[in-house]
N, C-alpha and C. Protein backbone atom coordinates (compact mmCIF):
# COMPACT_ATOMS: atom_id res chain seq x y z
N MET A 1 105.12 203.09 98.11
CA MET A 1 103.97 203.47 98.10
C MET A 1 103.85 204.50 98.41
N ARG A 2 102.89 205.41 98.84
CA ARG A 2 102.83 206.62 99.33
C ARG A 2 102.18 206.38 100.52
N PRO A 3 102.40 207.11 101.87
CA PRO A 3 101.44 207.20 102.68
C PRO A 3 99.80 207.12 102.57
N VAL A 4 99.18 206.50 103.17
CA VAL A 4 97.79 205.89 103.13
C VAL A 4 97.10 206.08 104.69
N ARG A 5 96.27 207.36 104.89
CA ARG A 5 95.81 207.53 105.69
C ARG A 5 94.02 207.22 105.98
N VAL A 6 93.73 206.64 106.84
CA VAL A 6 92.41 206.82 107.32
C VAL A 6 92.00 207.08 108.50
N ARG A 7 90.64 207.51 108.61
CA ARG A 7 90.84 208.19 109.89
C ARG A 7 88.79 207.80 110.79
N LEU A 8 88.56 207.09 111.32
CA LEU A 8 87.16 206.56 111.48
C LEU A 8 86.74 207.94 112.86
N ARG A 9 85.18 207.61 113.29
CA ARG A 9 84.67 208.62 114.15
C ARG A 9 83.76 207.47 115.00
N ALA A 10 83.57 206.38 115.02
CA ALA A 10 82.46 205.89 115.14
C ALA A 10 82.76 204.32 115.13
N VAL A 11 82.00 203.70 115.43
CA VAL A 11 82.13 202.13 115.54
C VAL A 11 81.72 201.85 114.01
N ASP A 12 83.15 201.45 113.67
CA ASP A 12 83.05 201.55 111.22
C ASP A 12 83.96 200.62 111.36
N VAL A 13 84.89 200.38 110.30
CA VAL A 13 85.12 200.02 109.43
C VAL A 13 85.50 200.51 108.08
N SER A 14 86.87 200.79 107.93
CA SER A 14 87.88 201.76 106.85
C SER A 14 87.50 200.67 105.66
N ALA A 15 87.73 201.09 104.40
CA ALA A 15 87.60 200.60 103.21
C ALA A 15 89.10 199.45 103.42
N PRO A 16 88.92 198.53 102.66
CA PRO A 16 90.33 197.91 102.38
C PRO A 16 91.77 198.68 101.76
N ILE A 17 92.73 198.70 102.34
CA ILE A 17 93.81 199.57 102.14
C ILE A 17 94.60 198.03 101.35
N PRO A 18 94.59 198.38 99.47
CA PRO A 18 95.23 197.87 99.30
C PRO A 18 96.85 197.28 98.83
N LEU A 19 97.48 196.23 99.48
CA LEU A 19 99.30 196.10 99.48
C LEU A 19 99.35 195.80 98.31
N ASP A 20 100.83 195.92 98.11
CA ASP A 20 101.65 195.18 96.80
C ASP A 20 102.06 193.84 97.41
N HIS A 21 101.30 193.05 97.59
CA HIS A 21 102.18 191.20 97.99
C HIS A 21 103.28 190.72 97.26
N TYR A 22 103.79 191.11 96.22
CA TYR A 22 104.49 190.80 94.89
C TYR A 22 105.93 191.59 95.57
N ARG A 23 106.10 192.55 95.97
CA ARG A 23 107.18 193.56 96.70
C ARG A 23 108.10 192.25 97.18
N SER A 24 109.48 192.83 96.78
CA SER A 24 110.51 192.02 97.76
C SER A 24 111.46 193.00 98.33
N PRO A 25 112.10 192.95 99.86
CA PRO A 25 111.18 192.71 100.22
C PRO A 25 110.10 193.59 100.57
N PHE A 26 108.91 192.51 101.27
CA PHE A 26 107.82 192.59 101.71
C PHE A 26 107.89 193.38 103.36
N SER A 27 107.69 194.98 103.32
CA SER A 27 108.08 195.47 104.42
C SER A 27 106.84 196.63 104.25
N VAL A 28 105.92 196.45 105.44
CA VAL A 28 104.61 197.61 105.95
C VAL A 28 105.00 197.93 107.07
N SER A 29 104.93 199.45 107.55
CA SER A 29 104.55 199.81 109.13
C SER A 29 103.09 199.84 109.27
N ILE A 30 102.49 200.35 110.24
CA ILE A 30 101.09 200.72 110.29
C ILE A 30 101.55 201.56 111.84
N ASN A 31 100.37 202.94 111.50
CA ASN A 31 100.98 203.36 112.54
C ASN A 31 99.58 203.77 112.84
N VAL A 32 98.57 203.87 114.46
CA VAL A 32 97.11 204.55 114.84
C VAL A 32 97.55 205.07 116.01
N VAL A 33 96.76 206.65 115.31
CA VAL A 33 96.98 207.10 116.92
C VAL A 33 95.39 207.18 117.15
N VAL A 34 95.36 207.31 118.37
CA VAL A 34 93.82 207.37 119.02
C VAL A 34 93.51 208.63 119.79
N PHE A 35 92.94 209.59 119.61
CA PHE A 35 92.04 210.69 120.06
C PHE A 35 90.76 210.52 120.44
N GLY A 36 90.90 209.97 122.27
CA GLY A 36 89.62 209.69 122.50
C GLY A 36 89.71 208.66 123.64
N SER A 37 88.49 207.82 123.78
CA SER A 37 88.02 206.70 124.10
C SER A 37 87.67 205.44 122.68
N LEU A 38 87.82 204.33 122.79
CA LEU A 38 87.73 203.75 122.03
C LEU A 38 88.78 202.45 121.54
N THR A 39 87.91 201.33 120.93
CA THR A 39 89.11 200.01 120.76
C THR A 39 88.94 199.90 119.50
N TYR A 40 90.02 199.60 119.15
CA TYR A 40 90.16 199.10 117.57
C TYR A 40 91.02 198.28 116.72
N SER A 41 90.88 197.72 116.07
CA SER A 41 92.43 196.42 115.36
C SER A 41 92.21 196.68 114.40
N VAL A 42 93.89 196.93 113.76
CA VAL A 42 94.32 196.34 112.57
C VAL A 42 94.15 194.52 111.86
N GLU A 43 93.41 194.76 110.76
CA GLU A 43 93.52 193.46 110.72
C GLU A 43 93.60 193.34 109.00
N HIS A 44 94.18 192.22 108.79
CA HIS A 44 94.25 191.79 107.40
C HIS A 44 93.40 191.42 106.91
N THR A 45 94.01 190.66 104.70
CA THR A 45 93.24 189.89 104.65
C THR A 45 94.16 189.19 103.43
N TYR A 46 94.25 187.76 102.82
CA TYR A 46 94.92 187.35 102.10
C TYR A 46 93.23 187.26 101.07
N ASP A 47 92.90 187.85 100.73
CA ASP A 47 91.62 187.57 100.02
C ASP A 47 91.63 188.62 98.69
N ASP A 48 91.64 188.21 97.98
CA ASP A 48 91.81 189.03 96.19
C ASP A 48 90.87 190.31 96.43
N VAL A 49 91.03 191.29 96.83
CA VAL A 49 90.39 192.43 97.25
C VAL A 49 90.39 193.28 95.33
N PHE A 50 90.57 192.41 94.45
CA PHE A 50 90.30 193.30 93.29
C PHE A 50 89.60 192.40 92.08
N SER A 51 89.39 191.47 92.71
CA SER A 51 88.52 190.03 92.23
C SER A 51 87.01 191.11 91.88
N PRO A 52 86.40 190.07 91.09
CA PRO A 52 85.17 190.86 90.85
C PRO A 52 84.20 190.82 91.72
N GLY A 53 84.43 189.12 92.22
CA GLY A 53 83.19 188.59 93.44
C GLY A 53 83.57 189.22 94.73
N PHE A 54 84.69 189.78 95.12
CA PHE A 54 84.91 190.35 96.41
C PHE A 54 84.01 191.10 97.44
N ASP A 55 83.70 190.54 97.93
CA ASP A 55 82.84 191.04 99.14
C ASP A 55 82.94 191.56 100.43
N VAL A 56 83.68 192.44 100.72
CA VAL A 56 84.48 193.49 102.51
C VAL A 56 83.84 192.29 103.50
N ALA A 57 82.28 191.96 103.89
CA ALA A 57 81.71 191.69 104.67
C ALA A 57 81.92 189.74 104.54
N SER A 58 82.86 189.62 103.74
CA SER A 58 82.48 187.73 103.52
C SER A 58 84.21 187.45 103.31
N ALA A 59 84.74 188.33 103.58
CA ALA A 59 85.99 188.47 103.53
C ALA A 59 86.87 187.82 104.49
N GLN A 60 88.18 186.99 105.40
CA GLN A 60 88.17 186.64 106.17
C GLN A 60 89.42 187.74 106.19
N TRP A 61 88.95 188.25 107.69
CA TRP A 61 89.50 189.73 108.46
C TRP A 61 90.32 188.87 109.61
N ILE A 62 91.86 188.74 109.24
CA ILE A 62 92.63 188.45 110.98
C ILE A 62 92.99 189.52 111.45
N ALA A 63 93.33 189.89 112.74
CA ALA A 63 93.59 190.70 113.67
C ALA A 63 94.63 190.60 114.34
N PRO A 64 96.07 190.67 113.44
CA PRO A 64 97.00 189.90 114.66
C PRO A 64 97.67 190.86 115.59
N THR A 65 97.60 189.35 117.12
CA THR A 65 97.34 189.57 118.56
C THR A 65 98.28 191.45 118.59
N ALA A 66 99.06 191.64 118.07
CA ALA A 66 100.14 193.20 118.13
C ALA A 66 99.03 194.16 118.18
N LEU A 67 98.42 194.26 116.99
CA LEU A 67 96.81 194.92 117.03
C LEU A 67 96.04 195.10 116.96
N ALA A 68 95.75 193.88 118.24
CA ALA A 68 94.16 193.48 118.18
C ALA A 68 93.59 194.16 119.67
N LEU A 69 92.63 194.87 119.69
CA LEU A 69 91.78 195.12 120.97
C LEU A 69 92.47 196.18 121.39
N LYS A 70 92.80 197.05 121.05
CA LYS A 70 93.97 198.04 121.72
C LYS A 70 93.10 199.30 121.77
N THR A 71 93.28 199.94 122.93
CA THR A 71 92.45 201.47 123.36
C THR A 71 93.47 202.21 123.39
N GLN A 72 95.53 202.26 122.84
CA GLN A 72 95.73 203.48 123.11
C GLN A 72 96.13 203.20 121.26
N SER A 73 97.36 204.46 121.33
CA SER A 73 97.92 204.26 120.10
C SER A 73 98.59 203.85 119.80
N ALA A 74 99.08 202.67 118.60
CA ALA A 74 99.76 201.86 118.70
C ALA A 74 100.80 201.52 117.30
N GLU A 75 102.02 201.25 117.07
CA GLU A 75 101.75 200.52 115.62
C GLU A 75 102.71 199.63 115.17
N GLY A 76 102.76 198.70 114.65
CA GLY A 76 103.13 197.63 114.07
C GLY A 76 103.34 197.26 112.59
N SER A 77 104.25 196.09 112.20
CA SER A 77 104.96 195.97 111.25
C SER A 77 104.62 194.13 110.37
N TYR A 78 104.34 194.53 109.27
CA TYR A 78 104.12 193.38 108.31
C TYR A 78 105.18 193.23 107.89
N THR A 79 106.05 191.78 108.01
CA THR A 79 107.52 191.79 107.27
C THR A 79 106.85 190.15 106.08
N ALA A 80 105.96 189.78 106.46
CA ALA A 80 105.41 188.48 105.39
C ALA A 80 104.31 189.10 104.37
N PRO A 81 103.70 188.74 102.94
CA PRO A 81 102.90 189.48 102.31
C PRO A 81 101.62 188.97 102.75
N VAL A 82 100.48 190.44 103.01
CA VAL A 82 99.64 190.17 103.33
C VAL A 82 98.50 191.49 102.22
N VAL A 83 97.45 191.15 101.09
CA VAL A 83 97.00 191.20 100.66
C VAL A 83 96.01 192.56 100.60
N ALA A 84 95.63 193.02 102.06
CA ALA A 84 94.93 194.39 102.35
C ALA A 84 94.94 194.40 103.30
N VAL A 85 95.15 195.90 104.29
CA VAL A 85 94.83 195.97 105.70
C VAL A 85 93.28 196.84 106.05
N ARG A 86 92.45 196.69 107.42
CA ARG A 86 91.72 197.85 107.85
C ARG A 86 92.12 198.16 108.87
N LEU A 87 91.45 199.24 109.07
CA LEU A 87 91.47 199.85 110.54
C LEU A 87 89.58 199.02 111.15
N ASN A 88 89.57 198.68 111.82
CA ASN A 88 88.47 198.59 112.55
C ASN A 88 88.06 199.50 114.25
N ILE A 89 87.20 200.12 114.11
CA ILE A 89 86.67 200.09 115.64
C ILE A 89 85.39 199.43 116.07
N THR A 90 85.73 198.60 117.23
CA THR A 90 84.80 197.63 117.41
C THR A 90 83.95 198.33 118.99
N ALA A 91 84.39 199.32 119.65
CA ALA A 91 83.87 200.18 120.61
C ALA A 91 84.10 201.49 120.59
N TYR A 92 83.92 202.12 121.28
CA TYR A 92 83.45 203.47 121.06
C TYR A 92 83.13 205.29 121.69
N THR A 93 83.52 205.65 122.16
CA THR A 93 82.91 206.74 123.76
C THR A 93 83.13 207.67 122.68
N SER A 94 83.76 208.32 122.55
CA SER A 94 84.25 209.57 121.71
C SER A 94 85.89 209.53 121.34
N GLY A 95 85.59 210.02 120.17
CA GLY A 95 87.31 210.86 119.41
C GLY A 95 87.08 209.75 118.13
N SER A 96 88.55 209.90 118.28
CA SER A 96 89.01 209.16 116.51
C SER A 96 90.01 208.61 116.78
N ALA A 97 89.93 207.52 115.99
CA ALA A 97 91.31 207.29 115.63
C ALA A 97 91.77 207.23 114.07
N ALA A 98 93.25 207.52 113.63
CA ALA A 98 93.67 207.56 112.77
C ALA A 98 94.90 206.61 112.18
N MET A 99 95.25 206.01 111.30
CA MET A 99 95.93 205.08 110.74
C MET A 99 97.08 205.33 109.49
N THR A 100 97.68 205.11 109.46
CA THR A 100 98.51 205.36 108.32
C THR A 100 99.67 204.55 108.56
N VAL A 101 99.53 203.67 106.60
CA VAL A 101 100.55 202.52 106.49
C VAL A 101 100.78 203.34 105.01
N ILE A 102 102.41 202.71 105.74
CA ILE A 102 102.88 202.71 104.67
C ILE A 102 103.89 201.45 104.03
N GLN A 103 103.82 201.47 102.77
CA GLN A 103 104.91 200.07 102.21
C GLN A 103 106.23 200.32 101.56
N ALA A 104 107.30 199.34 101.71
CA ALA A 104 108.51 200.17 101.28
C ALA A 104 108.77 198.50 100.21
N GLY A 105 110.04 199.08 99.54
CA GLY A 105 110.32 197.11 99.41
C GLY A 105 110.12 197.75 97.48
N ASN A 106 110.84 196.68 96.61
CA ASN A 106 111.49 196.88 95.40
C ASN A 106 109.27 196.39 94.52
N PRO A 107 109.15 197.80 93.83
CA PRO A 107 108.14 197.53 93.31
C PRO A 107 107.58 195.77 92.87
N GLY A 108 106.96 194.89 93.17
CA GLY A 108 106.39 193.65 92.29
C GLY A 108 106.34 193.76 90.94
N ARG A 109 106.01 192.55 90.67
CA ARG A 109 105.51 192.39 89.21
C ARG A 109 104.71 193.41 88.45
């Protein structure tokens, strides 16, 4: 997977970034760079984002402790499969947050 980048500049949620949860080994690196003053979380879901009935607002989003309620730049990784990730800015004063997601591993089915 090529790196995927999103940037938010207000209290907002990015579109889900689907991951190949069939890859083996499953390995995803995430980096968030903060420019300014804001609070963010990186969240993941196990819900099928490609399902015709998928509703991003009613999906179950989980923020792992390592990337929850951060105010400074941070990075993290996933080694257990998740279906998608997103950036969620929950408090905003100024600036922006830029998230980069990179997935490695052998292609899935």
